[in-house]
């Protein structure tokens, strides 16, 4: 049930959330760039 639980949300909404996560200034790459661990030109999207 825990594996299936996120998939009760719309397919499109879940994909858009991945867009926020993988954004250049998102919750993952934004702090890493601010700490200098990644270059400013690094992007995944």
ModelCIF file with pLDDT and N, C-alpha, C, O atoms, coordinates in Angstrom:
data_MODEL
#
_entry.id   MODEL 
#
_entity.id                         1 
_entity.type                       polymer 
_entity.pdbx_number_of_molecules   1 
#
_entity_poly.entity_id                      1 
_entity_poly.type                           'polypeptide(L)' 
_entity_poly.nstd_linkage                   no 
_entity_poly.nstd_monomer                   no 
_entity_poly.pdbx_seq_one_letter_code       
;(UNK)(UNK)(UNK)(UNK)(UNK)(UNK)(UNK)(UNK)(UNK)(UNK)(UNK)(UNK)(UNK)(UNK)(UNK)(UNK)
(UNK)(UNK)(UNK)(UNK)(UNK)(UNK)(UNK)(UNK)(UNK)(UNK)(UNK)(UNK)(UNK)(UNK)(UNK)(UNK)
(UNK)(UNK)(UNK)(UNK)(UNK)(UNK)(UNK)(UNK)(UNK)(UNK)(UNK)(UNK)(UNK)
;
_entity_poly.pdbx_seq_one_letter_code_can   XXXXXXXXXXXXXXXXXXXXXXXXXXXXXXXXXXXXXXXXXXXXX 
_entity_poly.pdbx_strand_id                 A 
#
loop_
_entity_poly_seq.entity_id 
_entity_poly_seq.num 
_entity_poly_seq.mon_id 
_entity_poly_seq.hetero 
1 1  UNK n 
1 2  UNK n 
1 3  UNK n 
1 4  UNK n 
1 5  UNK n 
1 6  UNK n 
1 7  UNK n 
1 8  UNK n 
1 9  UNK n 
1 10 UNK n 
1 11 UNK n 
1 12 UNK n 
1 13 UNK n 
1 14 UNK n 
1 15 UNK n 
1 16 UNK n 
1 17 UNK n 
1 18 UNK n 
1 19 UNK n 
1 20 UNK n 
1 21 UNK n 
1 22 UNK n 
1 23 UNK n 
1 24 UNK n 
1 25 UNK n 
1 26 UNK n 
1 27 UNK n 
1 28 UNK n 
1 29 UNK n 
1 30 UNK n 
1 31 UNK n 
1 32 UNK n 
1 33 UNK n 
1 34 UNK n 
1 35 UNK n 
1 36 UNK n 
1 37 UNK n 
1 38 UNK n 
1 39 UNK n 
1 40 UNK n 
1 41 UNK n 
1 42 UNK n 
1 43 UNK n 
1 44 UNK n 
1 45 UNK n 
#
_struct_asym.id          A 
_struct_asym.entity_id   1 
#
loop_
_ma_qa_metric.id 
_ma_qa_metric.mode 
_ma_qa_metric.name 
_ma_qa_metric.software_group_id 
_ma_qa_metric.type 
1 global pLDDT . pLDDT 
2 local  pLDDT . pLDDT 
#
_ma_qa_metric_global.metric_id      1 
_ma_qa_metric_global.metric_value   86.40 
_ma_qa_metric_global.model_id       1 
_ma_qa_metric_global.ordinal_id     1 
#
loop_
_ma_qa_metric_local.label_asym_id 
_ma_qa_metric_local.label_comp_id 
_ma_qa_metric_local.label_seq_id 
_ma_qa_metric_local.metric_id 
_ma_qa_metric_local.metric_value 
_ma_qa_metric_local.model_id 
_ma_qa_metric_local.ordinal_id 
A UNK 1  2 91.00 1 1  
A UNK 2  2 90.00 1 2  
A UNK 3  2 89.00 1 3  
A UNK 4  2 88.00 1 4  
A UNK 5  2 88.00 1 5  
A UNK 6  2 84.00 1 6  
A UNK 7  2 84.00 1 7  
A UNK 8  2 87.00 1 8  
A UNK 9  2 86.00 1 9  
A UNK 10 2 86.00 1 10 
A UNK 11 2 87.00 1 11 
A UNK 12 2 88.00 1 12 
A UNK 13 2 89.00 1 13 
A UNK 14 2 89.00 1 14 
A UNK 15 2 90.00 1 15 
A UNK 16 2 90.00 1 16 
A UNK 17 2 88.00 1 17 
A UNK 18 2 89.00 1 18 
A UNK 19 2 88.00 1 19 
A UNK 20 2 87.00 1 20 
A UNK 21 2 88.00 1 21 
A UNK 22 2 87.00 1 22 
A UNK 23 2 87.00 1 23 
A UNK 24 2 84.00 1 24 
A UNK 25 2 83.00 1 25 
A UNK 26 2 80.00 1 26 
A UNK 27 2 85.00 1 27 
A UNK 28 2 85.00 1 28 
A UNK 29 2 85.00 1 29 
A UNK 30 2 85.00 1 30 
A UNK 31 2 86.00 1 31 
A UNK 32 2 86.00 1 32 
A UNK 33 2 86.00 1 33 
A UNK 34 2 86.00 1 34 
A UNK 35 2 85.00 1 35 
A UNK 36 2 83.00 1 36 
A UNK 37 2 84.00 1 37 
A UNK 38 2 84.00 1 38 
A UNK 39 2 85.00 1 39 
A UNK 40 2 83.00 1 40 
A UNK 41 2 85.00 1 41 
A UNK 42 2 86.00 1 42 
A UNK 43 2 86.00 1 43 
A UNK 44 2 88.00 1 44 
A UNK 45 2 88.00 1 45 
#
loop_
_atom_site.group_PDB 
_atom_site.id 
_atom_site.type_symbol 
_atom_site.label_atom_id 
_atom_site.label_alt_id 
_atom_site.label_comp_id 
_atom_site.label_asym_id 
_atom_site.label_entity_id 
_atom_site.label_seq_id 
_atom_site.pdbx_PDB_ins_code 
_atom_site.Cartn_x 
_atom_site.Cartn_y 
_atom_site.Cartn_z 
_atom_site.occupancy 
_atom_site.B_iso_or_equiv 
_atom_site.pdbx_formal_charge 
_atom_site.auth_seq_id 
_atom_site.auth_comp_id 
_atom_site.auth_asym_id 
_atom_site.auth_atom_id 
_atom_site.pdbx_PDB_model_num 
ATOM 1   N N  . UNK A 1 1  ? 0.827  -1.203 0.000   1.00 91.00 ? 1  UNK A N  1 
ATOM 2   C CA . UNK A 1 1  ? 0.000  0.000  0.000   1.00 91.00 ? 1  UNK A CA 1 
ATOM 3   C C  . UNK A 1 1  ? 0.864  1.257  0.000   1.00 91.00 ? 1  UNK A C  1 
ATOM 4   O O  . UNK A 1 1  ? 0.528  2.234  -0.670  1.00 91.00 ? 1  UNK A O  1 
ATOM 5   N N  . UNK A 1 2  ? 1.958  1.249  0.731   1.00 90.00 ? 2  UNK A N  1 
ATOM 6   C CA . UNK A 1 2  ? 2.851  2.411  0.756   1.00 90.00 ? 2  UNK A CA 1 
ATOM 7   C C  . UNK A 1 2  ? 3.479  2.652  -0.616  1.00 90.00 ? 2  UNK A C  1 
ATOM 8   O O  . UNK A 1 2  ? 3.727  3.797  -0.996  1.00 90.00 ? 2  UNK A O  1 
ATOM 9   N N  . UNK A 1 3  ? 3.735  1.574  -1.359  1.00 89.00 ? 3  UNK A N  1 
ATOM 10  C CA . UNK A 1 3  ? 4.272  1.733  -2.712  1.00 89.00 ? 3  UNK A CA 1 
ATOM 11  C C  . UNK A 1 3  ? 3.233  2.336  -3.641  1.00 89.00 ? 3  UNK A C  1 
ATOM 12  O O  . UNK A 1 3  ? 3.552  3.166  -4.493  1.00 89.00 ? 3  UNK A O  1 
ATOM 13  N N  . UNK A 1 4  ? 1.988  1.911  -3.469  1.00 88.00 ? 4  UNK A N  1 
ATOM 14  C CA . UNK A 1 4  ? 0.921  2.383  -4.356  1.00 88.00 ? 4  UNK A CA 1 
ATOM 15  C C  . UNK A 1 4  ? 0.339  3.727  -3.926  1.00 88.00 ? 4  UNK A C  1 
ATOM 16  O O  . UNK A 1 4  ? -0.317 4.395  -4.726  1.00 88.00 ? 4  UNK A O  1 
ATOM 17  N N  . UNK A 1 5  ? 0.564  4.129  -2.690  1.00 88.00 ? 5  UNK A N  1 
ATOM 18  C CA . UNK A 1 5  ? -0.084 5.322  -2.155  1.00 88.00 ? 5  UNK A CA 1 
ATOM 19  C C  . UNK A 1 5  ? 0.194  6.586  -2.968  1.00 88.00 ? 5  UNK A C  1 
ATOM 20  O O  . UNK A 1 5  ? -0.750 7.331  -3.233  1.00 88.00 ? 5  UNK A O  1 
ATOM 21  N N  . UNK A 1 6  ? 1.430  6.874  -3.379  1.00 84.00 ? 6  UNK A N  1 
ATOM 22  C CA . UNK A 1 6  ? 1.649  8.087  -4.183  1.00 84.00 ? 6  UNK A CA 1 
ATOM 23  C C  . UNK A 1 6  ? 0.922  8.086  -5.519  1.00 84.00 ? 6  UNK A C  1 
ATOM 24  O O  . UNK A 1 6  ? 0.705  9.140  -6.118  1.00 84.00 ? 6  UNK A O  1 
ATOM 25  N N  . UNK A 1 7  ? 0.548  6.900  -5.980  1.00 84.00 ? 7  UNK A N  1 
ATOM 26  C CA . UNK A 1 7  ? -0.059 6.792  -7.300  1.00 84.00 ? 7  UNK A CA 1 
ATOM 27  C C  . UNK A 1 7  ? -1.572 6.973  -7.265  1.00 84.00 ? 7  UNK A C  1 
ATOM 28  O O  . UNK A 1 7  ? -2.249 6.789  -8.277  1.00 84.00 ? 7  UNK A O  1 
ATOM 29  N N  . UNK A 1 8  ? -2.102 7.335  -6.090  1.00 87.00 ? 8  UNK A N  1 
ATOM 30  C CA . UNK A 1 8  ? -3.473 7.789  -6.029  1.00 87.00 ? 8  UNK A CA 1 
ATOM 31  C C  . UNK A 1 8  ? -3.579 9.238  -6.493  1.00 87.00 ? 8  UNK A C  1 
ATOM 32  O O  . UNK A 1 8  ? -4.677 9.747  -6.717  1.00 87.00 ? 8  UNK A O  1 
ATOM 33  N N  . UNK A 1 9  ? -2.433 9.897  -6.636  1.00 86.00 ? 9  UNK A N  1 
ATOM 34  C CA . UNK A 1 9  ? -2.383 11.258 -7.148  1.00 86.00 ? 9  UNK A CA 1 
ATOM 35  C C  . UNK A 1 9  ? -2.302 11.197 -8.676  1.00 86.00 ? 9  UNK A C  1 
ATOM 36  O O  . UNK A 1 9  ? -1.816 10.217 -9.238  1.00 86.00 ? 9  UNK A O  1 
ATOM 37  N N  . UNK A 1 10 ? -2.773 12.232 -9.329  1.00 86.00 ? 10 UNK A N  1 
ATOM 38  C CA . UNK A 1 10 ? -2.796 12.268 -10.782 1.00 86.00 ? 10 UNK A CA 1 
ATOM 39  C C  . UNK A 1 10 ? -1.404 12.073 -11.376 1.00 86.00 ? 10 UNK A C  1 
ATOM 40  O O  . UNK A 1 10 ? -0.405 12.529 -10.818 1.00 86.00 ? 10 UNK A O  1 
ATOM 41  N N  . UNK A 1 11 ? -1.358 11.386 -12.519 1.00 87.00 ? 11 UNK A N  1 
ATOM 42  C CA . UNK A 1 11 ? -0.107 11.132 -13.235 1.00 87.00 ? 11 UNK A CA 1 
ATOM 43  C C  . UNK A 1 11 ? 0.588  12.436 -13.589 1.00 87.00 ? 11 UNK A C  1 
ATOM 44  O O  . UNK A 1 11 ? 1.802  12.557 -13.425 1.00 87.00 ? 11 UNK A O  1 
ATOM 45  N N  . UNK A 1 12 ? -0.164 13.401 -14.069 1.00 88.00 ? 12 UNK A N  1 
ATOM 46  C CA . UNK A 1 12 ? 0.421  14.682 -14.487 1.00 88.00 ? 12 UNK A CA 1 
ATOM 47  C C  . UNK A 1 12 ? 0.962  15.448 -13.286 1.00 88.00 ? 12 UNK A C  1 
ATOM 48  O O  . UNK A 1 12 ? 2.040  16.037 -13.357 1.00 88.00 ? 12 UNK A O  1 
ATOM 49  N N  . UNK A 1 13 ? 0.212  15.442 -12.176 1.00 89.00 ? 13 UNK A N  1 
ATOM 50  C CA . UNK A 1 13 ? 0.659  16.171 -10.981 1.00 89.00 ? 13 UNK A CA 1 
ATOM 51  C C  . UNK A 1 13 ? 1.958  15.589 -10.461 1.00 89.00 ? 13 UNK A C  1 
ATOM 52  O O  . UNK A 1 13 ? 2.856  16.334 -10.069 1.00 89.00 ? 13 UNK A O  1 
ATOM 53  N N  . UNK A 1 14 ? 2.071  14.265 -10.451 1.00 89.00 ? 14 UNK A N  1 
ATOM 54  C CA . UNK A 1 14 ? 3.305  13.642 -9.981  1.00 89.00 ? 14 UNK A CA 1 
ATOM 55  C C  . UNK A 1 14 ? 4.478  13.999 -10.879 1.00 89.00 ? 14 UNK A C  1 
ATOM 56  O O  . UNK A 1 14 ? 5.595  14.187 -10.397 1.00 89.00 ? 14 UNK A O  1 
ATOM 57  N N  . UNK A 1 15 ? 4.235  14.094 -12.178 1.00 90.00 ? 15 UNK A N  1 
ATOM 58  C CA . UNK A 1 15 ? 5.309  14.459 -13.103 1.00 90.00 ? 15 UNK A CA 1 
ATOM 59  C C  . UNK A 1 15 ? 5.716  15.914 -12.920 1.00 90.00 ? 15 UNK A C  1 
ATOM 60  O O  . UNK A 1 15 ? 6.900  16.243 -12.997 1.00 90.00 ? 15 UNK A O  1 
ATOM 61  N N  . UNK A 1 16 ? 4.744  16.785 -12.679 1.00 90.00 ? 16 UNK A N  1 
ATOM 62  C CA . UNK A 1 16 ? 5.060  18.191 -12.428 1.00 90.00 ? 16 UNK A CA 1 
ATOM 63  C C  . UNK A 1 16 ? 5.884  18.340 -11.148 1.00 90.00 ? 16 UNK A C  1 
ATOM 64  O O  . UNK A 1 16 ? 6.775  19.187 -11.081 1.00 90.00 ? 16 UNK A O  1 
ATOM 65  N N  . UNK A 1 17 ? 5.596  17.528 -10.139 1.00 88.00 ? 17 UNK A N  1 
ATOM 66  C CA . UNK A 1 17 ? 6.391  17.566 -8.913  1.00 88.00 ? 17 UNK A CA 1 
ATOM 67  C C  . UNK A 1 17 ? 7.838  17.188 -9.189  1.00 88.00 ? 17 UNK A C  1 
ATOM 68  O O  . UNK A 1 17 ? 8.751  17.753 -8.587  1.00 88.00 ? 17 UNK A O  1 
ATOM 69  N N  . UNK A 1 18 ? 8.054  16.246 -10.088 1.00 89.00 ? 18 UNK A N  1 
ATOM 70  C CA . UNK A 1 18 ? 9.420  15.926 -10.481 1.00 89.00 ? 18 UNK A CA 1 
ATOM 71  C C  . UNK A 1 18 ? 10.091 17.116 -11.154 1.00 89.00 ? 18 UNK A C  1 
ATOM 72  O O  . UNK A 1 18 ? 11.301 17.305 -11.026 1.00 89.00 ? 18 UNK A O  1 
ATOM 73  N N  . UNK A 1 19 ? 9.317  17.909 -11.862 1.00 88.00 ? 19 UNK A N  1 
ATOM 74  C CA . UNK A 1 19 ? 9.877  19.116 -12.474 1.00 88.00 ? 19 UNK A CA 1 
ATOM 75  C C  . UNK A 1 19 ? 10.381 20.084 -11.409 1.00 88.00 ? 19 UNK A C  1 
ATOM 76  O O  . UNK A 1 19 ? 11.436 20.698 -11.568 1.00 88.00 ? 19 UNK A O  1 
ATOM 77  N N  . UNK A 1 20 ? 9.620  20.219 -10.319 1.00 87.00 ? 20 UNK A N  1 
ATOM 78  C CA . UNK A 1 20 ? 10.062 21.077 -9.221  1.00 87.00 ? 20 UNK A CA 1 
ATOM 79  C C  . UNK A 1 20 ? 11.297 20.504 -8.532  1.00 87.00 ? 20 UNK A C  1 
ATOM 80  O O  . UNK A 1 20 ? 12.200 21.253 -8.159  1.00 87.00 ? 20 UNK A O  1 
ATOM 81  N N  . UNK A 1 21 ? 11.344 19.196 -8.363  1.00 88.00 ? 21 UNK A N  1 
ATOM 82  C CA . UNK A 1 21 ? 12.476 18.572 -7.686  1.00 88.00 ? 21 UNK A CA 1 
ATOM 83  C C  . UNK A 1 21 ? 13.755 18.703 -8.498  1.00 88.00 ? 21 UNK A C  1 
ATOM 84  O O  . UNK A 1 21 ? 14.818 18.976 -7.941  1.00 88.00 ? 21 UNK A O  1 
ATOM 85  N N  . UNK A 1 22 ? 13.661 18.511 -9.806  1.00 87.00 ? 22 UNK A N  1 
ATOM 86  C CA . UNK A 1 22 ? 14.843 18.531 -10.668 1.00 87.00 ? 22 UNK A CA 1 
ATOM 87  C C  . UNK A 1 22 ? 15.154 19.903 -11.242 1.00 87.00 ? 22 UNK A C  1 
ATOM 88  O O  . UNK A 1 22 ? 16.048 20.020 -12.080 1.00 87.00 ? 22 UNK A O  1 
ATOM 89  N N  . UNK A 1 23 ? 14.449 20.940 -10.821 1.00 87.00 ? 23 UNK A N  1 
ATOM 90  C CA . UNK A 1 23 ? 14.698 22.292 -11.328 1.00 87.00 ? 23 UNK A CA 1 
ATOM 91  C C  . UNK A 1 23 ? 16.089 22.762 -10.915 1.00 87.00 ? 23 UNK A C  1 
ATOM 92  O O  . UNK A 1 23 ? 16.656 22.275 -9.937  1.00 87.00 ? 23 UNK A O  1 
ATOM 93  N N  . UNK A 1 24 ? 16.630 23.711 -11.668 1.00 84.00 ? 24 UNK A N  1 
ATOM 94  C CA . UNK A 1 24 ? 17.974 24.223 -11.388 1.00 84.00 ? 24 UNK A CA 1 
ATOM 95  C C  . UNK A 1 24 ? 18.075 24.833 -10.001 1.00 84.00 ? 24 UNK A C  1 
ATOM 96  O O  . UNK A 1 24 ? 19.126 24.762 -9.363  1.00 84.00 ? 24 UNK A O  1 
ATOM 97  N N  . UNK A 1 25 ? 16.990 25.431 -9.532  1.00 83.00 ? 25 UNK A N  1 
ATOM 98  C CA . UNK A 1 25 ? 16.971 26.036 -8.197  1.00 83.00 ? 25 UNK A CA 1 
ATOM 99  C C  . UNK A 1 25 ? 16.018 25.282 -7.277  1.00 83.00 ? 25 UNK A C  1 
ATOM 100 O O  . UNK A 1 25 ? 15.465 25.865 -6.345  1.00 83.00 ? 25 UNK A O  1 
ATOM 101 N N  . UNK A 1 26 ? 15.822 23.997 -7.532  1.00 80.00 ? 26 UNK A N  1 
ATOM 102 C CA . UNK A 1 26 ? 14.896 23.203 -6.745  1.00 80.00 ? 26 UNK A CA 1 
ATOM 103 C C  . UNK A 1 26 ? 15.467 22.812 -5.401  1.00 80.00 ? 26 UNK A C  1 
ATOM 104 O O  . UNK A 1 26 ? 16.517 23.304 -4.987  1.00 80.00 ? 26 UNK A O  1 
ATOM 105 N N  . UNK A 1 27 ? 14.760 21.915 -4.721  1.00 85.00 ? 27 UNK A N  1 
ATOM 106 C CA . UNK A 1 27 ? 15.138 21.556 -3.353  1.00 85.00 ? 27 UNK A CA 1 
ATOM 107 C C  . UNK A 1 27 ? 16.399 20.697 -3.308  1.00 85.00 ? 27 UNK A C  1 
ATOM 108 O O  . UNK A 1 27 ? 16.987 20.533 -2.239  1.00 85.00 ? 27 UNK A O  1 
ATOM 109 N N  . UNK A 1 28 ? 16.825 20.147 -4.441  1.00 85.00 ? 28 UNK A N  1 
ATOM 110 C CA . UNK A 1 28 ? 18.036 19.319 -4.469  1.00 85.00 ? 28 UNK A CA 1 
ATOM 111 C C  . UNK A 1 28 ? 19.222 20.099 -5.009  1.00 85.00 ? 28 UNK A C  1 
ATOM 112 O O  . UNK A 1 28 ? 20.252 20.207 -4.344  1.00 85.00 ? 28 UNK A O  1 
ATOM 113 N N  . UNK A 1 29 ? 19.084 20.641 -6.206  1.00 85.00 ? 29 UNK A N  1 
ATOM 114 C CA . UNK A 1 29 ? 20.225 21.278 -6.858  1.00 85.00 ? 29 UNK A CA 1 
ATOM 115 C C  . UNK A 1 29 ? 20.432 22.717 -6.411  1.00 85.00 ? 29 UNK A C  1 
ATOM 116 O O  . UNK A 1 29 ? 21.545 23.236 -6.502  1.00 85.00 ? 29 UNK A O  1 
ATOM 117 N N  . UNK A 1 30 ? 19.372 23.372 -5.929  1.00 85.00 ? 30 UNK A N  1 
ATOM 118 C CA . UNK A 1 30 ? 19.529 24.748 -5.445  1.00 85.00 ? 30 UNK A CA 1 
ATOM 119 C C  . UNK A 1 30 ? 20.511 24.865 -4.285  1.00 85.00 ? 30 UNK A C  1 
ATOM 120 O O  . UNK A 1 30 ? 21.464 25.639 -4.377  1.00 85.00 ? 30 UNK A O  1 
ATOM 121 N N  . UNK A 1 31 ? 20.309 24.115 -3.183  1.00 86.00 ? 31 UNK A N  1 
ATOM 122 C CA . UNK A 1 31 ? 21.273 24.178 -2.077  1.00 86.00 ? 31 UNK A CA 1 
ATOM 123 C C  . UNK A 1 31 ? 22.680 23.742 -2.470  1.00 86.00 ? 31 UNK A C  1 
ATOM 124 O O  . UNK A 1 31 ? 23.659 24.313 -1.989  1.00 86.00 ? 31 UNK A O  1 
ATOM 125 N N  . UNK A 1 32 ? 22.794 22.731 -3.344  1.00 86.00 ? 32 UNK A N  1 
ATOM 126 C CA . UNK A 1 32 ? 24.119 22.280 -3.765  1.00 86.00 ? 32 UNK A CA 1 
ATOM 127 C C  . UNK A 1 32 ? 24.853 23.369 -4.551  1.00 86.00 ? 32 UNK A C  1 
ATOM 128 O O  . UNK A 1 32 ? 26.068 23.519 -4.419  1.00 86.00 ? 32 UNK A O  1 
ATOM 129 N N  . UNK A 1 33 ? 24.124 24.120 -5.361  1.00 86.00 ? 33 UNK A N  1 
ATOM 130 C CA . UNK A 1 33 ? 24.747 25.228 -6.091  1.00 86.00 ? 33 UNK A CA 1 
ATOM 131 C C  . UNK A 1 33 ? 25.125 26.359 -5.150  1.00 86.00 ? 33 UNK A C  1 
ATOM 132 O O  . UNK A 1 33 ? 26.172 26.984 -5.319  1.00 86.00 ? 33 UNK A O  1 
ATOM 133 N N  . UNK A 1 34 ? 24.283 26.628 -4.159  1.00 86.00 ? 34 UNK A N  1 
ATOM 134 C CA . UNK A 1 34 ? 24.595 27.686 -3.197  1.00 86.00 ? 34 UNK A CA 1 
ATOM 135 C C  . UNK A 1 34 ? 25.830 27.347 -2.372  1.00 86.00 ? 34 UNK A C  1 
ATOM 136 O O  . UNK A 1 34 ? 26.580 28.238 -1.973  1.00 86.00 ? 34 UNK A O  1 
ATOM 137 N N  . UNK A 1 35 ? 26.043 26.046 -2.113  1.00 85.00 ? 35 UNK A N  1 
ATOM 138 C CA . UNK A 1 35 ? 27.228 25.621 -1.363  1.00 85.00 ? 35 UNK A CA 1 
ATOM 139 C C  . UNK A 1 35 ? 28.462 25.494 -2.243  1.00 85.00 ? 35 UNK A C  1 
ATOM 140 O O  . UNK A 1 35 ? 29.552 25.220 -1.739  1.00 85.00 ? 35 UNK A O  1 
ATOM 141 N N  . UNK A 1 36 ? 28.314 25.685 -3.525  1.00 83.00 ? 36 UNK A N  1 
ATOM 142 C CA . UNK A 1 36 ? 29.446 25.593 -4.440  1.00 83.00 ? 36 UNK A CA 1 
ATOM 143 C C  . UNK A 1 36 ? 29.806 24.182 -4.844  1.00 83.00 ? 36 UNK A C  1 
ATOM 144 O O  . UNK A 1 36 ? 30.851 23.966 -5.459  1.00 83.00 ? 36 UNK A O  1 
ATOM 145 N N  . UNK A 1 37 ? 28.966 23.216 -4.513  1.00 84.00 ? 37 UNK A N  1 
ATOM 146 C CA . UNK A 1 37 ? 29.250 21.832 -4.876  1.00 84.00 ? 37 UNK A CA 1 
ATOM 147 C C  . UNK A 1 37 ? 28.914 21.546 -6.329  1.00 84.00 ? 37 UNK A C  1 
ATOM 148 O O  . UNK A 1 37 ? 29.424 20.590 -6.912  1.00 84.00 ? 37 UNK A O  1 
ATOM 149 N N  . UNK A 1 38 ? 28.061 22.367 -6.911  1.00 84.00 ? 38 UNK A N  1 
ATOM 150 C CA . UNK A 1 38 ? 27.715 22.246 -8.322  1.00 84.00 ? 38 UNK A CA 1 
ATOM 151 C C  . UNK A 1 38 ? 27.878 23.598 -8.990  1.00 84.00 ? 38 UNK A C  1 
ATOM 152 O O  . UNK A 1 38 ? 27.701 24.641 -8.360  1.00 84.00 ? 38 UNK A O  1 
ATOM 153 N N  . UNK A 1 39 ? 28.214 23.572 -10.262 1.00 85.00 ? 39 UNK A N  1 
ATOM 154 C CA . UNK A 1 39 ? 28.362 24.827 -11.001 1.00 85.00 ? 39 UNK A CA 1 
ATOM 155 C C  . UNK A 1 39 ? 26.999 25.441 -11.279 1.00 85.00 ? 39 UNK A C  1 
ATOM 156 O O  . UNK A 1 39 ? 25.982 24.747 -11.283 1.00 85.00 ? 39 UNK A O  1 
ATOM 157 N N  . UNK A 1 40 ? 26.988 26.711 -11.506 1.00 83.00 ? 40 UNK A N  1 
ATOM 158 C CA . UNK A 1 40 ? 25.724 27.404 -11.773 1.00 83.00 ? 40 UNK A CA 1 
ATOM 159 C C  . UNK A 1 40 ? 25.078 26.952 -13.074 1.00 83.00 ? 40 UNK A C  1 
ATOM 160 O O  . UNK A 1 40 ? 23.863 27.065 -13.232 1.00 83.00 ? 40 UNK A O  1 
ATOM 161 N N  . UNK A 1 41 ? 25.874 26.444 -14.006 1.00 85.00 ? 41 UNK A N  1 
ATOM 162 C CA . UNK A 1 41 ? 25.344 26.024 -15.303 1.00 85.00 ? 41 UNK A CA 1 
ATOM 163 C C  . UNK A 1 41 ? 24.830 24.580 -15.291 1.00 85.00 ? 41 UNK A C  1 
ATOM 164 O O  . UNK A 1 41 ? 24.296 24.106 -16.294 1.00 85.00 ? 41 UNK A O  1 
ATOM 165 N N  . UNK A 1 42 ? 24.988 23.888 -14.172 1.00 86.00 ? 42 UNK A N  1 
ATOM 166 C CA . UNK A 1 42 ? 24.538 22.501 -14.098 1.00 86.00 ? 42 UNK A CA 1 
ATOM 167 C C  . UNK A 1 42 ? 23.017 22.430 -14.107 1.00 86.00 ? 42 UNK A C  1 
ATOM 168 O O  . UNK A 1 42 ? 22.353 23.171 -13.382 1.00 86.00 ? 42 UNK A O  1 
ATOM 169 N N  . UNK A 1 43 ? 22.474 21.551 -14.918 1.00 86.00 ? 43 UNK A N  1 
ATOM 170 C CA . UNK A 1 43 ? 21.019 21.371 -14.971 1.00 86.00 ? 43 UNK A CA 1 
ATOM 171 C C  . UNK A 1 43 ? 20.690 19.948 -15.400 1.00 86.00 ? 43 UNK A C  1 
ATOM 172 O O  . UNK A 1 43 ? 21.466 19.299 -16.102 1.00 86.00 ? 43 UNK A O  1 
ATOM 173 N N  . UNK A 1 44 ? 19.539 19.481 -14.970 1.00 88.00 ? 44 UNK A N  1 
ATOM 174 C CA . UNK A 1 44 ? 19.077 18.135 -15.297 1.00 88.00 ? 44 UNK A CA 1 
ATOM 175 C C  . UNK A 1 44 ? 17.837 18.169 -16.165 1.00 88.00 ? 44 UNK A C  1 
ATOM 176 O O  . UNK A 1 44 ? 17.655 17.303 -17.020 1.00 88.00 ? 44 UNK A O  1 
ATOM 177 N N  . UNK A 1 45 ? 16.983 19.156 -15.958 1.00 88.00 ? 45 UNK A N  1 
ATOM 178 C CA . UNK A 1 45 ? 15.779 19.279 -16.784 1.00 88.00 ? 45 UNK A CA 1 
ATOM 179 C C  . UNK A 1 45 ? 16.142 19.425 -18.259 1.00 88.00 ? 45 UNK A C  1 
ATOM 180 O O  . UNK A 1 45 ? 15.255 19.541 -19.105 1.00 88.00 ? 45 UNK A O  1 
#
